[in-house]
Structures are given as C-alpha cells and as structure tokens.
PDB file of N, CA and C in Angstrom:
ATOM      1  N   UNK A   1      85.615 141.245  66.856  1.00  0.00           N
ATOM      2  CA  UNK A   1      84.497 139.943  67.367  1.00  0.00           C
ATOM      3  C   UNK A   1      85.524 139.125  68.446  1.00  0.00           C
ATOM      4  N   UNK A   2      84.688 139.095  69.432  1.00  0.00           N
ATOM      5  CA  UNK A   2      84.658 138.318  70.536  1.00  0.00           C
ATOM      6  C   UNK A   2      85.898 136.732  70.750  1.00  0.00           C
ATOM      7  N   UNK A   3      86.192 136.882  71.549  1.00  0.00           N
ATOM      8  CA  UNK A   3      87.245 135.329  71.933  1.00  0.00           C
ATOM      9  C   UNK A   3      86.350 134.927  72.886  1.00  0.00           C
ATOM     10  N   UNK A   4      86.049 134.026  73.154  1.00  0.00           N
ATOM     11  CA  UNK A   4      85.719 132.592  74.053  1.00  0.00           C
ATOM     12  C   UNK A   4      86.796 131.901  74.211  1.00  0.00           C
ATOM     13  N   UNK A   5      87.101 131.599  76.060  1.00  0.00           N
ATOM     14  CA  UNK A   5      88.306 130.492  76.276  1.00  0.00           C
ATOM     15  C   UNK A   5      87.125 129.312  76.849  1.00  0.00           C
ATOM     16  N   UNK A   6      88.184 128.037  76.215  1.00  0.00           N
ATOM     17  CA  UNK A   6      87.026 127.121  76.443  1.00  0.00           C
ATOM     18  C   UNK A   6      88.595 125.704  77.271  1.00  0.00           C
ATOM     19  N   UNK A   7      88.077 125.430  78.468  1.00  0.00           N
ATOM     20  CA  UNK A   7      89.005 124.737  79.052  1.00  0.00           C
ATOM     21  C   UNK A   7      88.570 123.559  79.387  1.00  0.00           C
ATOM     22  N   UNK A   8      89.394 122.345  79.960  1.00  0.00           N
ATOM     23  CA  UNK A   8      89.269 121.236  80.429  1.00  0.00           C
ATOM     24  C   UNK A   8      88.435 119.964  79.757  1.00  0.00           C
ATOM     25  N   UNK A   9      88.425 120.212  79.060  1.00  0.00           N
ATOM     26  CA  UNK A   9      88.450 119.474  76.842  1.00  0.00           C
ATOM     27  C   UNK A   9      89.409 118.457  77.101  1.00  0.00           C
ATOM     28  N   UNK A  10      89.396 117.402  76.815  1.00  0.00           N
ATOM     29  CA  UNK A  10      90.113 115.957  76.580  1.00  0.00           C
ATOM     30  C   UNK A  10      89.731 115.261  75.233  1.00  0.00           C
ATOM     31  N   UNK A  11      91.028 114.604  74.845  1.00  0.00           N
ATOM     32  CA  UNK A  11      91.455 114.493  73.572  1.00  0.00           C
ATOM     33  C   UNK A  11      91.370 112.749  73.326  1.00  0.00           C
ATOM     34  N   UNK A  12      90.567 112.313  72.669  1.00  0.00           N
ATOM     35  CA  UNK A  12      89.878 110.821  72.680  1.00  0.00           C
ATOM     36  C   UNK A  12      91.360 110.296  72.576  1.00  0.00           C
ATOM     37  N   UNK A  13      92.158 109.116  72.667  1.00  0.00           N
ATOM     38  CA  UNK A  13      93.094 108.635  71.947  1.00  0.00           C
ATOM     39  C   UNK A  13      92.869 108.104  70.378  1.00  0.00           C
ATOM     40  N   UNK A  14      93.753 108.018  69.895  1.00  0.00           N
ATOM     41  CA  UNK A  14      95.428 108.008  70.299  1.00  0.00           C
ATOM     42  C   UNK A  14      95.641 108.874  69.376  1.00  0.00           C
ATOM     43  N   UNK A  15      96.192 110.175  70.471  1.00  0.00           N
ATOM     44  CA  UNK A  15      97.100 111.165  70.104  1.00  0.00           C
ATOM     45  C   UNK A  15      97.210 112.277  71.473  1.00  0.00           C
ATOM     46  N   UNK A  16      97.800 113.349  71.241  1.00  0.00           N
ATOM     47  CA  UNK A  16      98.740 114.124  72.047  1.00  0.00           C
ATOM     48  C   UNK A  16      98.547 115.585  71.156  1.00  0.00           C
ATOM     49  N   UNK A  17      98.488 116.413  72.266  1.00  0.00           N
ATOM     50  CA  UNK A  17      99.109 117.986  71.637  1.00  0.00           C
ATOM     51  C   UNK A  17      99.833 118.347  72.925  1.00  0.00           C
ATOM     52  N   UNK A  18     101.123 118.592  71.538  1.00  0.00           N
ATOM     53  CA  UNK A  18     101.909 118.917  71.903  1.00  0.00           C
ATOM     54  C   UNK A  18     102.422 120.563  71.968  1.00  0.00           C
ATOM     55  N   UNK A  19     102.810 121.088  72.975  1.00  0.00           N
ATOM     56  CA  UNK A  19     102.790 122.621  72.946  1.00  0.00           C
ATOM     57  C   UNK A  19     103.497 122.793  72.577  1.00  0.00           C
ATOM     58  N   UNK A  20     104.222 124.394  71.658  1.00  0.00           N
ATOM     59  CA  UNK A  20     105.146 124.993  71.158  1.00  0.00           C
ATOM     60  C   UNK A  20     105.332 126.729  71.626  1.00  0.00           C
ATOM     61  N   UNK A  21     105.282 127.393  70.974  1.00  0.00           N
ATOM     62  CA  UNK A  21     106.029 128.796  71.613  1.00  0.00           C
ATOM     63  C   UNK A  21     104.569 129.350  71.687  1.00  0.00           C
ATOM     64  N   UNK A  22     103.912 129.745  70.605  1.00  0.00           N
ATOM     65  CA  UNK A  22     102.852 130.067  70.651  1.00  0.00           C
ATOM     66  C   UNK A  22     101.063 129.485  69.982  1.00  0.00           C
ATOM     67  N   UNK A  23     102.346 127.994  69.968  1.00  0.00           N
ATOM     68  CA  UNK A  23     100.980 127.327  69.293  1.00  0.00           C
ATOM     69  C   UNK A  23     101.089 125.959  69.299  1.00  0.00           C
ATOM     70  N   UNK A  24     100.295 125.208  68.735  1.00  0.00           N
ATOM     71  CA  UNK A  24     100.827 123.196  69.312  1.00  0.00           C
ATOM     72  C   UNK A  24     100.726 122.357  68.441  1.00  0.00           C
ATOM     73  N   UNK A  25     100.600 121.615  68.377  1.00  0.00           N
ATOM     74  CA  UNK A  25     100.233 120.578  67.188  1.00  0.00           C
ATOM     75  C   UNK A  25     100.367 118.907  67.276  1.00  0.00           C
ATOM     76  N   UNK A  26      98.893 118.481  66.904  1.00  0.00           N
ATOM     77  CA  UNK A  26      98.277 117.459  67.132  1.00  0.00           C
ATOM     78  C   UNK A  26      99.715 116.188  66.263  1.00  0.00           C
ATOM     79  N   UNK A  27     100.313 115.132  67.207  1.00  0.00           N
ATOM     80  CA  UNK A  27     100.802 114.310  67.412  1.00  0.00           C
ATOM     81  C   UNK A  27     100.244 112.461  67.991  1.00  0.00           C
ATOM     82  N   UNK A  28     101.150 112.300  67.505  1.00  0.00           N
ATOM     83  CA  UNK A  28     100.054 110.422  67.815  1.00  0.00           C
ATOM     84  C   UNK A  28     100.735 110.308  69.179  1.00  0.00           C
ATOM     85  N   UNK A  29     100.423 109.439  70.400  1.00  0.00           N
ATOM     86  CA  UNK A  29     100.054 109.026  71.973  1.00  0.00           C
ATOM     87  C   UNK A  29     101.431 107.932  71.550  1.00  0.00           C
ATOM     88  N   UNK A  30     102.212 107.682  72.704  1.00  0.00           N
ATOM     89  CA  UNK A  30     103.412 107.328  72.885  1.00  0.00           C
ATOM     90  C   UNK A  30     103.574 106.491  74.008  1.00  0.00           C
ATOM     91  N   UNK A  31     102.139 106.448  74.829  1.00  0.00           N
ATOM     92  CA  UNK A  31     102.080 106.011  76.142  1.00  0.00           C
ATOM     93  C   UNK A  31     100.293 105.520  76.350  1.00  0.00           C
ATOM     94  N   UNK A  32      99.979 105.325  77.510  1.00  0.00           N
ATOM     95  CA  UNK A  32      98.825 104.576  77.093  1.00  0.00           C
ATOM     96  C   UNK A  32      97.969 105.044  78.338  1.00  0.00           C
ATOM     97  N   UNK A  33      97.657 106.407  77.915  1.00  0.00           N
ATOM     98  CA  UNK A  33      96.753 107.430  78.462  1.00  0.00           C
ATOM     99  C   UNK A  33      95.780 107.451  77.974  1.00  0.00           C
ATOM    100  N   UNK A  34      94.509 106.555  78.450  1.00  0.00           N
ATOM    101  CA  UNK A  34      93.073 107.265  78.201  1.00  0.00           C
ATOM    102  C   UNK A  34      92.843 108.151  76.662  1.00  0.00           C
ATOM    103  N   UNK A  35      92.734 108.945  77.446  1.00  0.00           N
ATOM    104  CA  UNK A  35      92.288 110.645  77.437  1.00  0.00           C
ATOM    105  C   UNK A  35      93.628 111.824  77.821  1.00  0.00           C
ATOM    106  N   UNK A  36      94.173 112.140  76.403  1.00  0.00           N
ATOM    107  CA  UNK A  36      94.759 113.601  77.292  1.00  0.00           C
ATOM    108  C   UNK A  36      94.387 115.097  77.152  1.00  0.00           C
ATOM    109  N   UNK A  37      94.519 115.431  78.701  1.00  0.00           N
ATOM    110  CA  UNK A  37      93.737 116.631  78.637  1.00  0.00           C
ATOM    111  C   UNK A  37      94.470 117.628  77.744  1.00  0.00           C
ATOM    112  N   UNK A  38      93.016 118.712  76.965  1.00  0.00           N
ATOM    113  CA  UNK A  38      93.550 119.453  76.100  1.00  0.00           C
ATOM    114  C   UNK A  38      93.979 120.873  76.216  1.00  0.00           C
ATOM    115  N   UNK A  39      95.098 121.446  76.000  1.00  0.00           N
ATOM    116  CA  UNK A  39      95.372 122.898  77.404  1.00  0.00           C
ATOM    117  C   UNK A  39      93.649 124.050  76.789  1.00  0.00           C
ATOM    118  N   UNK A  40      93.667 124.880  77.365  1.00  0.00           N
ATOM    119  CA  UNK A  40      93.004 125.925  76.955  1.00  0.00           C
ATOM    120  C   UNK A  40      92.581 126.557  75.608  1.00  0.00           C
ATOM    121  N   UNK A  41      91.672 126.562  75.188  1.00  0.00           N
ATOM    122  CA  UNK A  41      91.384 126.523  73.655  1.00  0.00           C
ATOM    123  C   UNK A  41      90.347 127.782  73.023  1.00  0.00           C
ATOM    124  N   UNK A  42      91.411 129.084  72.363  1.00  0.00           N
ATOM    125  CA  UNK A  42      90.857 130.143  72.244  1.00  0.00           C
ATOM    126  C   UNK A  42      89.319 130.198  71.039  1.00  0.00           C
ATOM    127  N   UNK A  43      88.430 130.396  71.000  1.00  0.00           N
ATOM    128  CA  UNK A  43      87.464 130.495  69.925  1.00  0.00           C
ATOM    129  C   UNK A  43      87.214 131.670  69.782  1.00  0.00           C
ATOM    130  N   UNK A  44      87.759 131.845  68.194  1.00  0.00           N
ATOM    131  CA  UNK A  44      87.607 133.608  67.420  1.00  0.00           C
ATOM    132  C   UNK A  44      86.764 132.928  66.191  1.00  0.00           C
ATOM    133  N   UNK A  45      85.365 133.677  66.645  1.00  0.00           N
ATOM    134  CA  UNK A  45      84.825 133.294  65.146  1.00  0.00           C
ATOM    135  C   UNK A  45      86.012 134.401  63.669  1.00  0.00           C
ATOM    136  N   UNK A  46      85.525 133.762  62.873  1.00  0.00           N
ATOM    137  CA  UNK A  46      86.365 133.609  61.823  1.00  0.00           C
ATOM    138  C   UNK A  46      85.709 133.009  60.244  1.00  0.00           C
ATOM    139  N   UNK A  47      85.869 134.103  59.643  1.00  0.00           N
ATOM    140  CA  UNK A  47      85.248 133.831  58.499  1.00  0.00           C
ATOM    141  C   UNK A  47      85.662 133.184  57.378  1.00  0.00           C
ATOM    142  N   UNK A  48      85.710 131.802  56.685  1.00  0.00           N
ATOM    143  CA  UNK A  48      86.597 131.363  55.869  1.00  0.00           C
ATOM    144  C   UNK A  48      87.120 131.613  54.738  1.00  0.00           C
ATOM    145  N   UNK A  49      86.787 132.661  54.373  1.00  0.00           N
ATOM    146  CA  UNK A  49      87.792 133.666  53.733  1.00  0.00           C
ATOM    147  C   UNK A  49      89.077 133.501  54.128  1.00  0.00           C
ATOM    148  N   UNK A  50      88.958 133.835  55.981  1.00  0.00           N
ATOM    149  CA  UNK A  50      90.024 134.716  56.867  1.00  0.00           C
ATOM    150  C   UNK A  50      91.064 133.759  56.882  1.00  0.00           C
ATOM    151  N   UNK A  51      90.930 132.024  56.516  1.00  0.00           N
ATOM    152  CA  UNK A  51      91.417 130.821  57.476  1.00  0.00           C
ATOM    153  C   UNK A  51      92.546 130.439  56.574  1.00  0.00           C
ATOM    154  N   UNK A  52      93.532 131.115  56.823  1.00  0.00           N
ATOM    155  CA  UNK A  52      94.929 130.313  56.531  1.00  0.00           C
ATOM    156  C   UNK A  52      94.731 128.617  55.376  1.00  0.00           C
ATOM    157  N   UNK A  53      94.165 128.322  54.448  1.00  0.00           N
ATOM    158  CA  UNK A  53      94.121 127.107  54.104  1.00  0.00           C
ATOM    159  C   UNK A  53      95.174 126.339  53.494  1.00  0.00           C
ATOM    160  N   UNK A  54      96.634 127.165  54.054  1.00  0.00           N
ATOM    161  CA  UNK A  54      97.912 126.400  53.624  1.00  0.00           C
ATOM    162  C   UNK A  54      98.067 125.762  54.438  1.00  0.00           C
ATOM    163  N   UNK A  55      97.846 126.219  55.669  1.00  0.00           N
ATOM    164  CA  UNK A  55      98.319 125.229  57.377  1.00  0.00           C
ATOM    165  C   UNK A  55      97.763 123.474  56.838  1.00  0.00           C
ATOM    166  N   UNK A  56      98.213 122.515  57.244  1.00  0.00           N
ATOM    167  CA  UNK A  56      97.912 121.389  57.059  1.00  0.00           C
ATOM    168  C   UNK A  56      96.850 121.531  58.433  1.00  0.00           C
ATOM    169  N   UNK A  57      95.457 121.012  59.139  1.00  0.00           N
ATOM    170  CA  UNK A  57      94.280 121.146  59.901  1.00  0.00           C
ATOM    171  C   UNK A  57      93.659 119.956  60.038  1.00  0.00           C
ATOM    172  N   UNK A  58      93.864 119.471  60.841  1.00  0.00           N
ATOM    173  CA  UNK A  58      92.086 118.401  60.845  1.00  0.00           C
ATOM    174  C   UNK A  58      91.398 119.199  61.698  1.00  0.00           C
ATOM    175  N   UNK A  59      89.667 119.344  60.944  1.00  0.00           N
ATOM    176  CA  UNK A  59      88.492 119.647  61.833  1.00  0.00           C
ATOM    177  C   UNK A  59      88.283 118.556  62.204  1.00  0.00           C
ATOM    178  N   UNK A  60      88.497 118.843  63.749  1.00  0.00           N
ATOM    179  CA  UNK A  60      88.275 118.108  64.834  1.00  0.00           C
ATOM    180  C   UNK A  60      87.358 118.213  65.818  1.00  0.00           C
ATOM    181  N   UNK A  61      86.261 116.965  65.489  1.00  0.00           N
ATOM    182  CA  UNK A  61      84.596 117.058  66.405  1.00  0.00           C
ATOM    183  C   UNK A  61      84.905 117.335  67.769  1.00  0.00           C
ATOM    184  N   UNK A  62      83.993 118.308  68.467  1.00  0.00           N
ATOM    185  CA  UNK A  62      83.961 118.264  69.450  1.00  0.00           C
ATOM    186  C   UNK A  62      82.570 117.760  70.444  1.00  0.00           C
ATOM    187  N   UNK A  63      82.512 116.349  71.042  1.00  0.00           N
ATOM    188  CA  UNK A  63      81.167 116.002  71.850  1.00  0.00           C
ATOM    189  C   UNK A  63      81.026 116.379  73.197  1.00  0.00           C
ATOM    190  N   UNK A  64      79.691 116.260  73.381  1.00  0.00           N
ATOM    191  CA  UNK A  64      79.800 116.583  75.149  1.00  0.00           C
ATOM    192  C   UNK A  64      79.712 115.161  76.090  1.00  0.00           C
ATOM    193  N   UNK A  65      79.769 114.201  75.439  1.00  0.00           N
ATOM    194  CA  UNK A  65      79.926 112.417  75.826  1.00  0.00           C
ATOM    195  C   UNK A  65      80.776 112.161  74.753  1.00  0.00           C
ATOM    196  N   UNK A  66      81.780 111.087  75.272  1.00  0.00           N
ATOM    197  CA  UNK A  66      82.369 110.237  74.414  1.00  0.00           C
ATOM    198  C   UNK A  66      81.530 108.888  73.588  1.00  0.00           C
ATOM    199  N   UNK A  67      80.270 109.135  74.255  1.00  0.00           N
ATOM    200  CA  UNK A  67      79.509 107.733  73.486  1.00  0.00           C
ATOM    201  C   UNK A  67      79.648 108.136  71.761  1.00  0.00           C
ATOM    202  N   UNK A  68      79.610 109.839  71.132  1.00  0.00           N
ATOM    203  CA  UNK A  68      79.530 110.708  70.209  1.00  0.00           C
ATOM    204  C   UNK A  68      78.152 110.132  69.140  1.00  0.00           C
ATOM    205  N   UNK A  69      77.280 109.852  70.339  1.00  0.00           N
ATOM    206  CA  UNK A  69      76.048 109.915  69.520  1.00  0.00           C
ATOM    207  C   UNK A  69      74.911 110.525  70.334  1.00  0.00           C
ATOM    208  N   UNK A  70      73.939 110.573  69.187  1.00  0.00           N
ATOM    209  CA  UNK A  70      72.378 111.038  69.974  1.00  0.00           C
ATOM    210  C   UNK A  70      71.538 111.615  68.964  1.00  0.00           C
ATOM    211  N   UNK A  71      70.556 112.346  69.464  1.00  0.00           N
ATOM    212  CA  UNK A  71      69.578 112.387  68.503  1.00  0.00           C
ATOM    213  C   UNK A  71      69.534 113.429  67.228  1.00  0.00           C
ATOM    214  N   UNK A  72      69.309 113.324  65.964  1.00  0.00           N
ATOM    215  CA  UNK A  72      69.731 113.547  65.161  1.00  0.00           C
ATOM    216  C   UNK A  72      68.043 114.904  64.764  1.00  0.00           C
ATOM    217  N   UNK A  73      68.865 116.243  64.929  1.00  0.00           N
ATOM    218  CA  UNK A  73      68.201 117.460  65.309  1.00  0.00           C
ATOM    219  C   UNK A  73      68.001 118.247  63.653  1.00  0.00           C
ATOM    220  N   UNK A  74      66.940 119.498  64.363  1.00  0.00           N
ATOM    221  CA  UNK A  74      66.780 119.722  62.613  1.00  0.00           C
ATOM    222  C   UNK A  74      67.562 120.218  62.090  1.00  0.00           C
ATOM    223  N   UNK A  75      69.441 120.418  62.607  1.00  0.00           N
ATOM    224  CA  UNK A  75      70.405 121.245  61.754  1.00  0.00           C
ATOM    225  C   UNK A  75      70.890 119.869  60.775  1.00  0.00           C
ATOM    226  N   UNK A  76      70.663 118.657  61.206  1.00  0.00           N
ATOM    227  CA  UNK A  76      71.632 118.072  60.809  1.00  0.00           C
ATOM    228  C   UNK A  76      72.594 117.018  61.202  1.00  0.00           C
ATOM    229  N   UNK A  77      72.716 117.279  62.585  1.00  0.00           N
ATOM    230  CA  UNK A  77      74.127 117.159  63.172  1.00  0.00           C
ATOM    231  C   UNK A  77      73.259 117.014  64.728  1.00  0.00           C
ATOM    232  N   UNK A  78      73.843 115.339  65.401  1.00  0.00           N
ATOM    233  CA  UNK A  78      73.614 114.771  66.444  1.00  0.00           C
ATOM    234  C   UNK A  78      73.360 115.921  67.373  1.00  0.00           C
ATOM    235  N   UNK A  79      72.399 115.657  68.775  1.00  0.00           N
ATOM    236  CA  UNK A  79      72.805 116.686  69.725  1.00  0.00           C
ATOM    237  C   UNK A  79      74.155 116.467  71.005  1.00  0.00           C
ATOM    238  N   UNK A  80      74.337 115.639  70.697  1.00  0.00           N
ATOM    239  CA  UNK A  80      76.378 115.116  71.067  1.00  0.00           C
ATOM    240  C   UNK A  80      76.897 116.012  70.479  1.00  0.00           C
ATOM    241  N   UNK A  81      76.923 116.304  69.328  1.00  0.00           N
ATOM    242  CA  UNK A  81      78.182 117.373  68.703  1.00  0.00           C
ATOM    243  C   UNK A  81      77.904 118.660  69.254  1.00  0.00           C
ATOM    244  N   UNK A  82      79.018 119.430  69.506  1.00  0.00           N
ATOM    245  CA  UNK A  82      78.960 120.993  70.068  1.00  0.00           C
ATOM    246  C   UNK A  82      80.207 121.950  68.546  1.00  0.00           C
ATOM    247  N   UNK A  83      81.273 121.626  68.388  1.00  0.00           N
ATOM    248  CA  UNK A  83      81.183 122.260  67.062  1.00  0.00           C
ATOM    249  C   UNK A  83      82.527 121.729  66.796  1.00  0.00           C
ATOM    250  N   UNK A  84      83.534 122.434  65.567  1.00  0.00           N
ATOM    251  CA  UNK A  84      84.533 121.423  65.170  1.00  0.00           C
ATOM    252  C   UNK A  84      85.438 122.895  65.228  1.00  0.00           C
ATOM    253  N   UNK A  85      86.983 121.725  65.689  1.00  0.00           N
ATOM    254  CA  UNK A  85      87.362 122.471  65.962  1.00  0.00           C
ATOM    255  C   UNK A  85      89.610 122.311  64.900  1.00  0.00           C
ATOM    256  N   UNK A  86      90.088 123.225  65.187  1.00  0.00           N
ATOM    257  CA  UNK A  86      90.746 122.929  63.748  1.00  0.00           C
ATOM    258  C   UNK A  86      91.783 123.018  64.746  1.00  0.00           C
ATOM    259  N   UNK A  87      92.776 121.570  64.125  1.00  0.00           N
ATOM    260  CA  UNK A  87      94.044 121.332  65.183  1.00  0.00           C
ATOM    261  C   UNK A  87      94.957 121.522  63.767  1.00  0.00           C
ATOM    262  N   UNK A  88      96.146 121.776  64.442  1.00  0.00           N
ATOM    263  CA  UNK A  88      97.618 121.940  63.311  1.00  0.00           C
ATOM    264  C   UNK A  88      98.126 120.307  63.586  1.00  0.00           C
ATOM    265  N   UNK A  89      98.283 119.814  62.089  1.00  0.00           N
ATOM    266  CA  UNK A  89      98.877 118.862  61.999  1.00  0.00           C
ATOM    267  C   UNK A  89      99.957 118.604  61.135  1.00  0.00           C
ATOM    268  N   UNK A  90     100.606 117.224  61.547  1.00  0.00           N
ATOM    269  CA  UNK A  90     102.074 117.364  60.295  1.00  0.00           C
ATOM    270  C   UNK A  90     101.826 116.372  59.301  1.00  0.00           C
ATOM    271  N   UNK A  91     100.446 115.585  60.079  1.00  0.00           N
ATOM    272  CA  UNK A  91     100.205 114.347  58.932  1.00  0.00           C
ATOM    273  C   UNK A  91      98.962 114.591  57.946  1.00  0.00           C
ATOM    274  N   UNK A  92      98.401 114.343  57.296  1.00  0.00           N
ATOM    275  CA  UNK A  92      97.087 113.950  56.537  1.00  0.00           C
ATOM    276  C   UNK A  92      96.197 113.971  57.460  1.00  0.00           C
ATOM    277  N   UNK A  93      95.307 115.000  57.949  1.00  0.00           N
ATOM    278  CA  UNK A  93      93.908 114.991  58.263  1.00  0.00           C
ATOM    279  C   UNK A  93      93.598 113.680  58.153  1.00  0.00           C
ATOM    280  N   UNK A  94      93.236 112.859  57.283  1.00  0.00           N
ATOM    281  CA  UNK A  94      92.522 111.529  56.954  1.00  0.00           C
ATOM    282  C   UNK A  94      93.351 110.886  58.200  1.00  0.00           C
ATOM    283  N   UNK A  95      94.468 110.680  58.645  1.00  0.00           N
ATOM    284  CA  UNK A  95      95.132 109.813  59.264  1.00  0.00           C
ATOM    285  C   UNK A  95      94.344 110.317  60.585  1.00  0.00           C
ATOM    286  N   UNK A  96      93.829 110.917  61.002  1.00  0.00           N
ATOM    287  CA  UNK A  96      93.364 111.132  62.501  1.00  0.00           C
ATOM    288  C   UNK A  96      91.380 110.791  62.340  1.00  0.00           C
ATOM    289  N   UNK A  97      91.472 110.881  61.536  1.00  0.00           N
ATOM    290  CA  UNK A  97      89.586 110.905  61.135  1.00  0.00           C
ATOM    291  C   UNK A  97      90.173 108.997  61.111  1.00  0.00           C
ATOM    292  N   UNK A  98      90.549 108.425  60.603  1.00  0.00           N
ATOM    293  CA  UNK A  98      90.645 106.837  60.779  1.00  0.00           C
ATOM    294  C   UNK A  98      91.044 106.179  61.763  1.00  0.00           C
ATOM    295  N   UNK A  99      91.812 107.364  62.925  1.00  0.00           N
ATOM    296  CA  UNK A  99      92.094 106.749  64.455  1.00  0.00           C
ATOM    297  C   UNK A  99      90.767 107.528  64.897  1.00  0.00           C
ATOM    298  N   UNK A 100      89.826 108.272  64.727  1.00  0.00           N
ATOM    299  CA  UNK A 100      89.049 108.391  65.363  1.00  0.00           C
ATOM    300  C   UNK A 100      89.172 109.383  66.687  1.00  0.00           C
ATOM    301  N   UNK A 101      89.646 110.448  65.976  1.00  0.00           N
ATOM    302  CA  UNK A 101      90.142 111.257  66.800  1.00  0.00           C
ATOM    303  C   UNK A 101      89.519 112.839  66.824  1.00  0.00           C
ATOM    304  N   UNK A 102      88.660 112.899  68.451  1.00  0.00           N
ATOM    305  CA  UNK A 102      87.848 113.639  68.938  1.00  0.00           C
ATOM    306  C   UNK A 102      88.448 114.408  70.430  1.00  0.00           C
ATOM    307  N   UNK A 103      87.508 115.498  70.063  1.00  0.00           N
ATOM    308  CA  UNK A 103      87.670 116.387  71.499  1.00  0.00           C
ATOM    309  C   UNK A 103      86.375 116.277  72.402  1.00  0.00           C
ATOM    310  N   UNK A 104      86.348 116.157  73.582  1.00  0.00           N
ATOM    311  CA  UNK A 104      85.302 115.801  74.415  1.00  0.00           C
ATOM    312  C   UNK A 104      84.945 116.791  75.689  1.00  0.00           C
ATOM    313  N   UNK A 105      84.073 116.706  75.773  1.00  0.00           N
ATOM    314  CA  UNK A 105      83.677 117.650  77.016  1.00  0.00           C
ATOM    315  C   UNK A 105      83.597 117.288  78.270  1.00  0.00           C
ATOM    316  N   UNK A 106      83.324 115.672  78.434  1.00  0.00           N
ATOM    317  CA  UNK A 106      83.768 115.133  80.092  1.00  0.00           C
ATOM    318  C   UNK A 106      84.178 113.671  78.855  1.00  0.00           C
ATOM    319  N   UNK A 107      84.167 113.271  80.814  1.00  0.00           N
ATOM    320  CA  UNK A 107      84.325 111.625  80.174  1.00  0.00           C
ATOM    321  C   UNK A 107      84.111 111.055  81.470  1.00  0.00           C
ATOM    322  N   UNK A 108      83.263 110.117  81.003  1.00  0.00           N
ATOM    323  CA  UNK A 108      82.702 108.725  81.660  1.00  0.00           C
ATOM    324  C   UNK A 108      83.337 108.084  82.791  1.00  0.00           C
ATOM    325  N   UNK A 109      82.732 108.311  83.953  1.00  0.00           N
ATOM    326  CA  UNK A 109      83.326 108.067  85.045  1.00  0.00           C
ATOM    327  C   UNK A 109      82.105 107.368  85.816  1.00  0.00           C
TER     328      UNK A 109
END
C-alpha cells in the first residue's frame, strides 16, 4: 500500500503534539499560542481490523478552514471536512471532543 505525507497542518487550541522517538502524543497546551503546527503526517490506508484498538486514540477531524462548517454533501459530511486522523493520547478521547480539538489545513489571515 502506498503512503502519503501531509505537511503544514495546524492543531486548533487548546492542545499541542509532543514528539517522542518514533511517535508522539496529544497533550494540553500550556502557553498562549493560538494554533500549534503539526509535524508531517504519514497517511497510510489501513483496514479497520488491522488498527490496534488497545491504544487510546482521538479521532481528530481535519477541516479545510477554521470555520468547521460548509455545505452538506451527498456523503453526509460537510464540504469543509477532509478526513479523520487518529492521534494517540493519554486521556480519554472525549476530553478532546469537549475541547473542540481539530486539525486545520489553513489558518485565517
């Protein structure tokens, strides 16, 4: 299977991606930076049955813009929605849902 690398994405507040040797983890943000840059993301198509379900992961939505809204398409998703990215976390995924954490493809300037 092929892999694709995606760069220049941003985490919406209030979190930051902490790097470890071969991976990283989603953590609380402790400074006042509005959007944190995300490192290069490797997107690899994988069957659901092959994904490790024992690891805590937040299903982080990726949006084209920070508005997080758009026209509803025939697939049932917003036209602003790109895909869901699984991000490792130490806390329950509901924590990040309540915080409104998302990845953004571009920032509003």
